[in-house]
Amino acid sequence: MSSALLFLADGFEEVEALTVVDLLRRARIDIYTVSITDSLQVTGRSRITVTADKMWDEINPELADILILPGGMPGTTYLGKHEGLRKQLLKAASDGRMLAAICAAPSVFGELGLLEGKNACCYPGMETSLKGAEVVFDKKTVKDGKIITSRGAGTAISFALRIIHALEGEDVSDEIKKSIVYMD
């Protein structure tokens, strides 16, 4: 069974985070939400408060197959400033593990130099933050090597399905598409 960690900071985009968690759990992927704040309670950009599964100091990110960043502001800014998370993103990339980010969050990968020479997408207007990337404007999600990026809340289902496909294959991704009546 694949494992995933999705990181939450105050101001995260609820649709992007919770859609991913929901669909990955439907696909039987072992996914945990992780608060990088000082509380399990994390409030999103639309003032929806969720309870994370774990606190940062309760996890070992090196055991996860994929590390996932939802967008939203100021959540993305907080994710990008968290030194422990920054180190783990770099370690995951150097270990050849998968990374995924949606909306504004691909900017964190850009700031860390993880997008150099890769195709990537993000929320419209944030393209300059994808340092070193070849920016793709006409796709909902982009997978280049071990990095998956996506554009925003409206692409959250496509983003989650791309992660499922990368971790568990096309059959599982298609099964989830069918089960939620997703039509692309």
Foldseek 3Di string as FASTA:
>chain_A
DAEEEEEWAAAFDVLLVVLLVVLCVVLVYHYWYEYADPAQWHAHNVRDTDGTPYYPVVDDLVPHLEYEYGDGPPTLVVCLPRVVNLVSVVVCVVVQGAYEYAALNCLSCQVSVNQADEEFEHAPPNVVSNHNHDYDDPDQWDDTRRYIYGYHSVSSNVRSLVVCCVPPNDVSSVVSCVVVVPDD
